[in-house]
PDB file of all heavy atoms in Angstrom:
ATOM      1  N   GLN A   1      -6.600  10.323  -3.138  1.00  0.00           N
ATOM      2  CA  GLN A   1      -7.051   9.042  -2.484  1.00  0.00           C
ATOM      3  C   GLN A   1      -7.502   8.226  -3.642  1.00  0.00           C
ATOM      4  O   GLN A   1      -8.409   7.168  -3.386  1.00  0.00           O
ATOM      5  CB  GLN A   1      -8.045   9.218  -1.392  1.00  0.00           C
ATOM      6  CG  GLN A   1      -7.664   9.949  -0.205  1.00  0.00           C
ATOM      7  CD  GLN A   1      -8.672   9.944   0.821  1.00  0.00           C
ATOM      8  OE1 GLN A   1      -9.745   9.769   0.673  1.00  0.00           O
ATOM      9  NE2 GLN A   1      -8.195  10.458   1.916  1.00  0.00           N
ATOM     10  N   ARG A   2      -7.144   8.245  -4.678  1.00  0.00           N
ATOM     11  CA  ARG A   2      -7.561   7.376  -5.746  1.00  0.00           C
ATOM     12  C   ARG A   2      -7.008   5.882  -5.660  1.00  0.00           C
ATOM     13  O   ARG A   2      -5.960   5.802  -5.009  1.00  0.00           O
ATOM     14  CB  ARG A   2      -7.136   7.756  -7.173  1.00  0.00           C
ATOM     15  CG  ARG A   2      -7.694   9.200  -7.591  1.00  0.00           C
ATOM     16  CD  ARG A   2      -7.437   9.524  -8.897  1.00  0.00           C
ATOM     17  NE  ARG A   2      -8.424   8.857  -9.833  1.00  0.00           N
ATOM     18  CZ  ARG A   2      -8.261   8.884 -11.251  1.00  0.00           C
ATOM     19  NH1 ARG A   2      -7.233   9.525 -11.852  1.00  0.00           N
ATOM     20  NH2 ARG A   2      -9.127   8.223 -11.979  1.00  0.00           N
ATOM     21  N   ILE A   3      -7.633   4.912  -5.977  1.00  0.00           N
ATOM     22  CA  ILE A   3      -7.175   3.513  -5.804  1.00  0.00           C
ATOM     23  C   ILE A   3      -7.595   2.701  -7.131  1.00  0.00           C
ATOM     24  O   ILE A   3      -8.559   3.034  -7.744  1.00  0.00           O
ATOM     25  CB  ILE A   3      -7.953   2.957  -4.584  1.00  0.00           C
ATOM     26  CG1 ILE A   3      -7.472   1.474  -4.279  1.00  0.00           C
ATOM     27  CG2 ILE A   3      -9.586   2.932  -4.869  1.00  0.00           C
ATOM     28  CD1 ILE A   3      -8.023   0.946  -3.031  1.00  0.00           C
ATOM     29  N   THR A   4      -6.634   1.852  -7.379  1.00  0.00           N
ATOM     30  CA  THR A   4      -6.827   1.067  -8.650  1.00  0.00           C
ATOM     31  C   THR A   4      -7.739  -0.283  -8.294  1.00  0.00           C
ATOM     32  O   THR A   4      -7.771  -0.718  -7.231  1.00  0.00           O
ATOM     33  CB  THR A   4      -5.500   0.556  -9.225  1.00  0.00           C
ATOM     34  OG1 THR A   4      -4.793  -0.264  -8.261  1.00  0.00           O
ATOM     35  CG2 THR A   4      -4.634   1.729  -9.566  1.00  0.00           C
ATOM     36  N   TRP A   5      -8.235  -0.752  -9.327  1.00  0.00           N
ATOM     37  CA  TRP A   5      -8.916  -1.992  -9.201  1.00  0.00           C
ATOM     38  C   TRP A   5      -7.994  -3.248  -8.726  1.00  0.00           C
ATOM     39  O   TRP A   5      -8.482  -4.067  -7.927  1.00  0.00           O
ATOM     40  CB  TRP A   5      -9.623  -2.438 -10.479  1.00  0.00           C
ATOM     41  CG  TRP A   5     -10.703  -1.694 -10.997  1.00  0.00           C
ATOM     42  CD1 TRP A   5     -10.825  -0.792 -11.963  1.00  0.00           C
ATOM     43  CD2 TRP A   5     -12.076  -1.811 -10.426  1.00  0.00           C
ATOM     44  NE1 TRP A   5     -12.154  -0.181 -12.008  1.00  0.00           N
ATOM     45  CE2 TRP A   5     -12.798  -0.677 -11.066  1.00  0.00           C
ATOM     46  CE3 TRP A   5     -12.587  -2.335  -9.250  1.00  0.00           C
ATOM     47  CZ2 TRP A   5     -14.154  -0.496 -10.797  1.00  0.00           C
ATOM     48  CZ3 TRP A   5     -14.019  -2.082  -8.961  1.00  0.00           C
ATOM     49  CH2 TRP A   5     -14.738  -1.315  -9.637  1.00  0.00           C
ATOM     50  N   ARG A   6      -6.715  -3.129  -9.120  1.00  0.00           N
ATOM     51  CA  ARG A   6      -5.782  -4.159  -8.657  1.00  0.00           C
ATOM     52  C   ARG A   6      -5.634  -4.054  -7.181  1.00  0.00           C
ATOM     53  O   ARG A   6      -5.734  -5.082  -6.426  1.00  0.00           O
ATOM     54  CB  ARG A   6      -4.451  -3.857  -9.368  1.00  0.00           C
ATOM     55  CG  ARG A   6      -3.323  -4.941  -8.825  1.00  0.00           C
ATOM     56  CD  ARG A   6      -2.053  -4.728  -9.542  1.00  0.00           C
ATOM     57  NE  ARG A   6      -2.307  -4.945 -10.883  1.00  0.00           N
ATOM     58  CZ  ARG A   6      -1.339  -4.495 -11.898  1.00  0.00           C
ATOM     59  NH1 ARG A   6      -0.215  -4.096 -11.473  1.00  0.00           N
ATOM     60  NH2 ARG A   6      -1.592  -4.825 -13.149  1.00  0.00           N
ATOM     61  N   GLU A   7      -5.537  -2.870  -6.677  1.00  0.00           N
ATOM     62  CA  GLU A   7      -5.481  -2.750  -5.118  1.00  0.00           C
ATOM     63  C   GLU A   7      -6.739  -3.210  -4.408  1.00  0.00           C
ATOM     64  O   GLU A   7      -6.563  -3.844  -3.410  1.00  0.00           O
ATOM     65  CB  GLU A   7      -5.191  -1.269  -4.802  1.00  0.00           C
ATOM     66  CG  GLU A   7      -3.804  -0.702  -5.224  1.00  0.00           C
ATOM     67  CD  GLU A   7      -3.678   0.732  -5.014  1.00  0.00           C
ATOM     68  OE1 GLU A   7      -4.446   1.553  -5.665  1.00  0.00           O
ATOM     69  OE2 GLU A   7      -2.913   1.082  -4.151  1.00  0.00           O
ATOM     70  N   ILE A   8      -7.949  -2.835  -5.028  1.00  0.00           N
ATOM     71  CA  ILE A   8      -9.147  -3.341  -4.364  1.00  0.00           C
ATOM     72  C   ILE A   8      -9.203  -4.739  -4.374  1.00  0.00           C
ATOM     73  O   ILE A   8      -9.627  -5.383  -3.428  1.00  0.00           O
ATOM     74  CB  ILE A   8     -10.349  -2.624  -5.110  1.00  0.00           C
ATOM     75  CG1 ILE A   8     -10.315  -1.202  -4.802  1.00  0.00           C
ATOM     76  CG2 ILE A   8     -11.640  -3.335  -4.617  1.00  0.00           C
ATOM     77  CD1 ILE A   8     -11.540  -0.571  -5.481  1.00  0.00           C
ATOM     78  N   ILE A   9      -8.940  -5.394  -5.546  1.00  0.00           N
ATOM     79  CA  ILE A   9      -9.002  -6.921  -5.603  1.00  0.00           C
ATOM     80  C   ILE A   9      -7.957  -7.574  -4.669  1.00  0.00           C
ATOM     81  O   ILE A   9      -8.371  -8.606  -3.978  1.00  0.00           O
ATOM     82  CB  ILE A   9      -8.717  -7.279  -7.140  1.00  0.00           C
ATOM     83  CG1 ILE A   9      -9.950  -6.857  -7.993  1.00  0.00           C
ATOM     84  CG2 ILE A   9      -8.573  -8.804  -7.197  1.00  0.00           C
ATOM     85  CD1 ILE A   9      -9.589  -7.018  -9.451  1.00  0.00           C
ATOM     86  N   GLU A  10      -6.771  -7.229  -4.647  1.00  0.00           N
ATOM     87  CA  GLU A  10      -5.862  -7.782  -3.738  1.00  0.00           C
ATOM     88  C   GLU A  10      -6.161  -7.528  -2.213  1.00  0.00           C
ATOM     89  O   GLU A  10      -6.226  -8.528  -1.491  1.00  0.00           O
ATOM     90  CB  GLU A  10      -4.413  -7.176  -4.048  1.00  0.00           C
ATOM     91  CG  GLU A  10      -3.900  -7.736  -5.368  1.00  0.00           C
ATOM     92  CD  GLU A  10      -2.445  -7.022  -5.683  1.00  0.00           C
ATOM     93  OE1 GLU A  10      -2.002  -6.141  -4.914  1.00  0.00           O
ATOM     94  OE2 GLU A  10      -1.875  -7.389  -6.659  1.00  0.00           O
ATOM     95  N   LEU A  11      -6.521  -6.351  -1.927  1.00  0.00           N
ATOM     96  CA  LEU A  11      -6.883  -6.154  -0.579  1.00  0.00           C
ATOM     97  C   LEU A  11      -8.270  -6.754  -0.137  1.00  0.00           C
ATOM     98  O   LEU A  11      -8.415  -7.425   0.892  1.00  0.00           O
ATOM     99  CB  LEU A  11      -7.195  -4.608  -0.291  1.00  0.00           C
ATOM    100  CG  LEU A  11      -5.866  -3.764  -0.352  1.00  0.00           C
ATOM    101  CD1 LEU A  11      -6.182  -2.296  -0.216  1.00  0.00           C
ATOM    102  CD2 LEU A  11      -5.040  -4.140   0.833  1.00  0.00           C
ATOM    103  N   GLY A  12      -9.211  -6.860  -1.115  1.00  0.00           N
ATOM    104  CA  GLY A  12     -10.390  -7.595  -0.916  1.00  0.00           C
ATOM    105  C   GLY A  12     -10.143  -9.057  -0.667  1.00  0.00           C
ATOM    106  O   GLY A  12     -10.875  -9.728   0.157  1.00  0.00           O
ATOM    107  N   ARG A  13      -9.287  -9.634  -1.500  1.00  0.00           N
ATOM    108  CA  ARG A  13      -9.073 -11.158  -1.358  1.00  0.00           C
ATOM    109  C   ARG A  13      -8.420 -11.490  -0.088  1.00  0.00           C
ATOM    110  O   ARG A  13      -8.844 -12.511   0.643  1.00  0.00           O
ATOM    111  CB  ARG A  13      -8.154 -11.546  -2.514  1.00  0.00           C
ATOM    112  CG  ARG A  13      -7.807 -13.040  -2.493  1.00  0.00           C
ATOM    113  CD  ARG A  13      -6.770 -13.545  -3.543  1.00  0.00           C
ATOM    114  NE  ARG A  13      -7.313 -13.287  -4.865  1.00  0.00           N
ATOM    115  CZ  ARG A  13      -6.839 -12.434  -5.828  1.00  0.00           C
ATOM    116  NH1 ARG A  13      -5.812 -11.585  -5.455  1.00  0.00           N
ATOM    117  NH2 ARG A  13      -7.288 -12.382  -7.002  1.00  0.00           N
ATOM    118  N   ASN A  14      -7.564 -10.598   0.378  1.00  0.00           N
ATOM    119  CA  ASN A  14      -6.923 -10.829   1.688  1.00  0.00           C
ATOM    120  C   ASN A  14      -7.944 -10.697   2.821  1.00  0.00           C
ATOM    121  O   ASN A  14      -7.904 -11.549   3.799  1.00  0.00           O
ATOM    122  CB  ASN A  14      -5.750  -9.908   1.871  1.00  0.00           C
ATOM    123  CG  ASN A  14      -4.565 -10.118   0.977  1.00  0.00           C
ATOM    124  OD1 ASN A  14      -4.407 -11.202   0.396  1.00  0.00           O
ATOM    125  ND2 ASN A  14      -3.697  -9.104   0.785  1.00  0.00           N
ATOM    126  N   CYS A  15      -8.769  -9.782   2.730  1.00  0.00           N
ATOM    127  CA  CYS A  15      -9.786  -9.482   3.757  1.00  0.00           C
ATOM    128  C   CYS A  15     -10.816 -10.748   3.828  1.00  0.00           C
ATOM    129  O   CYS A  15     -11.227 -11.212   4.851  1.00  0.00           O
ATOM    130  CB  CYS A  15     -10.576  -8.324   3.503  1.00  0.00           C
ATOM    131  SG  CYS A  15      -9.719  -6.754   4.311  1.00  0.00           S
ATOM    132  N   ILE A  16     -11.213 -11.137   2.549  1.00  0.00           N
ATOM    133  CA  ILE A  16     -12.212 -12.282   2.544  1.00  0.00           C
ATOM    134  C   ILE A  16     -11.604 -13.446   3.149  1.00  0.00           C
ATOM    135  O   ILE A  16     -12.268 -14.347   3.871  1.00  0.00           O
ATOM    136  CB  ILE A  16     -12.684 -12.449   0.956  1.00  0.00           C
ATOM    137  CG1 ILE A  16     -13.614 -11.385   0.684  1.00  0.00           C
ATOM    138  CG2 ILE A  16     -13.351 -13.777   0.958  1.00  0.00           C
ATOM    139  CD1 ILE A  16     -13.867 -11.437  -0.854  1.00  0.00           C
ATOM    140  N   HIS A  17     -10.367 -13.776   2.950  1.00  0.00           N
ATOM    141  CA  HIS A  17      -9.674 -14.931   3.491  1.00  0.00           C
ATOM    142  C   HIS A  17      -9.603 -14.813   5.086  1.00  0.00           C
ATOM    143  O   HIS A  17      -9.477 -15.788   5.609  1.00  0.00           O
ATOM    144  CB  HIS A  17      -8.314 -15.246   2.945  1.00  0.00           C
ATOM    145  CG  HIS A  17      -8.364 -15.589   1.446  1.00  0.00           C
ATOM    146  ND1 HIS A  17      -7.237 -15.566   0.623  1.00  0.00           N
ATOM    147  CD2 HIS A  17      -9.316 -16.072   0.817  1.00  0.00           C
ATOM    148  CE1 HIS A  17      -7.572 -16.091  -0.476  1.00  0.00           C
ATOM    149  NE2 HIS A  17      -8.875 -16.277  -0.519  1.00  0.00           N
ATOM    150  N   GLU A  18      -9.346 -13.600   5.454  1.00  0.00           N
ATOM    151  CA  GLU A  18      -9.232 -13.384   6.929  1.00  0.00           C
ATOM    152  C   GLU A  18     -10.704 -13.269   7.680  1.00  0.00           C
ATOM    153  O   GLU A  18     -10.842 -13.800   8.750  1.00  0.00           O
ATOM    154  CB  GLU A  18      -8.572 -12.156   7.238  1.00  0.00           C
ATOM    155  CG  GLU A  18      -8.221 -11.884   8.725  1.00  0.00           C
ATOM    156  CD  GLU A  18      -7.423 -10.516   8.987  1.00  0.00           C
ATOM    157  OE1 GLU A  18      -7.056  -9.922   7.994  1.00  0.00           O
ATOM    158  OE2 GLU A  18      -7.226 -10.258  10.208  1.00  0.00           O
ATOM    159  N   TYR A  19     -11.676 -12.833   6.919  1.00  0.00           N
ATOM    160  CA  TYR A  19     -13.031 -12.635   7.465  1.00  0.00           C
ATOM    161  C   TYR A  19     -13.981 -13.355   6.406  1.00  0.00           C
ATOM    162  O   TYR A  19     -14.780 -12.562   5.777  1.00  0.00           O
ATOM    163  CB  TYR A  19     -13.370 -11.314   7.729  1.00  0.00           C
ATOM    164  CG  TYR A  19     -12.373 -10.424   8.645  1.00  0.00           C
ATOM    165  CD1 TYR A  19     -11.346  -9.686   8.075  1.00  0.00           C
ATOM    166  CD2 TYR A  19     -12.525 -10.603  10.003  1.00  0.00           C
ATOM    167  CE1 TYR A  19     -10.458  -8.972   8.889  1.00  0.00           C
ATOM    168  CE2 TYR A  19     -11.596  -9.878  10.780  1.00  0.00           C
ATOM    169  CZ  TYR A  19     -10.625  -9.143  10.198  1.00  0.00           C
ATOM    170  OH  TYR A  19      -9.769  -8.488  11.006  1.00  0.00           O
ATOM    171  N   PRO A  20     -13.946 -14.695   6.271  1.00  0.00           N
ATOM    172  CA  PRO A  20     -14.702 -15.303   5.324  1.00  0.00           C
ATOM    173  C   PRO A  20     -16.197 -15.229   5.633  1.00  0.00           C
ATOM    174  O   PRO A  20     -16.683 -15.028   6.708  1.00  0.00           O
ATOM    175  CB  PRO A  20     -14.281 -16.751   5.339  1.00  0.00           C
ATOM    176  CG  PRO A  20     -13.759 -16.959   6.833  1.00  0.00           C
ATOM    177  CD  PRO A  20     -13.159 -15.633   7.147  1.00  0.00           C
ATOM    178  N   PHE A  21     -17.017 -15.475   4.491  1.00  0.00           N
ATOM    179  CA  PHE A  21     -18.481 -15.548   4.617  1.00  0.00           C
ATOM    180  C   PHE A  21     -18.817 -16.850   5.192  1.00  0.00           C
ATOM    181  O   PHE A  21     -18.034 -17.842   5.119  1.00  0.00           O
ATOM    182  CB  PHE A  21     -19.048 -15.331   3.169  1.00  0.00           C
ATOM    183  CG  PHE A  21     -19.092 -13.998   2.750  1.00  0.00           C
ATOM    184  CD1 PHE A  21     -18.045 -13.585   1.894  1.00  0.00           C
ATOM    185  CD2 PHE A  21     -19.991 -12.987   3.117  1.00  0.00           C
ATOM    186  CE1 PHE A  21     -18.010 -12.227   1.515  1.00  0.00           C
ATOM    187  CE2 PHE A  21     -19.936 -11.662   2.685  1.00  0.00           C
ATOM    188  CZ  PHE A  21     -18.840 -11.292   1.766  1.00  0.00           C
ATOM    189  N   GLU A  22     -19.993 -16.899   5.927  1.00  0.00           N
ATOM    190  CA  GLU A  22     -20.448 -18.074   6.665  1.00  0.00           C
ATOM    191  C   GLU A  22     -20.746 -19.163   5.685  1.00  0.00           C
ATOM    192  O   GLU A  22     -20.415 -20.311   5.906  1.00  0.00           O
ATOM    193  CB  GLU A  22     -21.636 -17.619   7.456  1.00  0.00           C
ATOM    194  CG  GLU A  22     -22.190 -18.672   8.346  1.00  0.00           C
ATOM    195  CD  GLU A  22     -23.385 -18.297   9.181  1.00  0.00           C
ATOM    196  OE1 GLU A  22     -23.480 -17.081   9.419  1.00  0.00           O
ATOM    197  OE2 GLU A  22     -24.179 -19.085   9.621  1.00  0.00           O
ATOM    198  N   THR A  23     -21.434 -18.904   4.526  1.00  0.00           N
ATOM    199  CA  THR A  23     -21.887 -19.922   3.643  1.00  0.00           C
ATOM    200  C   THR A  23     -21.103 -19.741   2.221  1.00  0.00           C
ATOM    201  O   THR A  23     -21.230 -18.676   1.669  1.00  0.00           O
ATOM    202  CB  THR A  23     -23.382 -19.838   3.322  1.00  0.00           C
ATOM    203  OG1 THR A  23     -24.090 -19.844   4.587  1.00  0.00           O
ATOM    204  CG2 THR A  23     -23.765 -20.956   2.397  1.00  0.00           C
ATOM    205  N   ILE A  24     -20.162 -20.600   1.983  1.00  0.00           N
ATOM    206  CA  ILE A  24     -19.396 -20.526   0.830  1.00  0.00           C
ATOM    207  C   ILE A  24     -19.619 -21.858   0.027  1.00  0.00           C
ATOM    208  O   ILE A  24     -19.594 -22.882   0.676  1.00  0.00           O
ATOM    209  CB  ILE A  24     -17.887 -20.245   1.093  1.00  0.00           C
ATOM    210  CG1 ILE A  24     -17.215 -21.325   2.014  1.00  0.00           C
ATOM    211  CG2 ILE A  24     -17.765 -18.858   1.617  1.00  0.00           C
ATOM    212  CD1 ILE A  24     -15.755 -21.049   2.189  1.00  0.00           C
TER     213      ILE A  24
END
């Protein structure tokens, strides 16, 4: 189950765009 930083960054960016923070 190893994961690269690239995968984390790409998945994280997509999730943040779908579930954004209230104050940006």
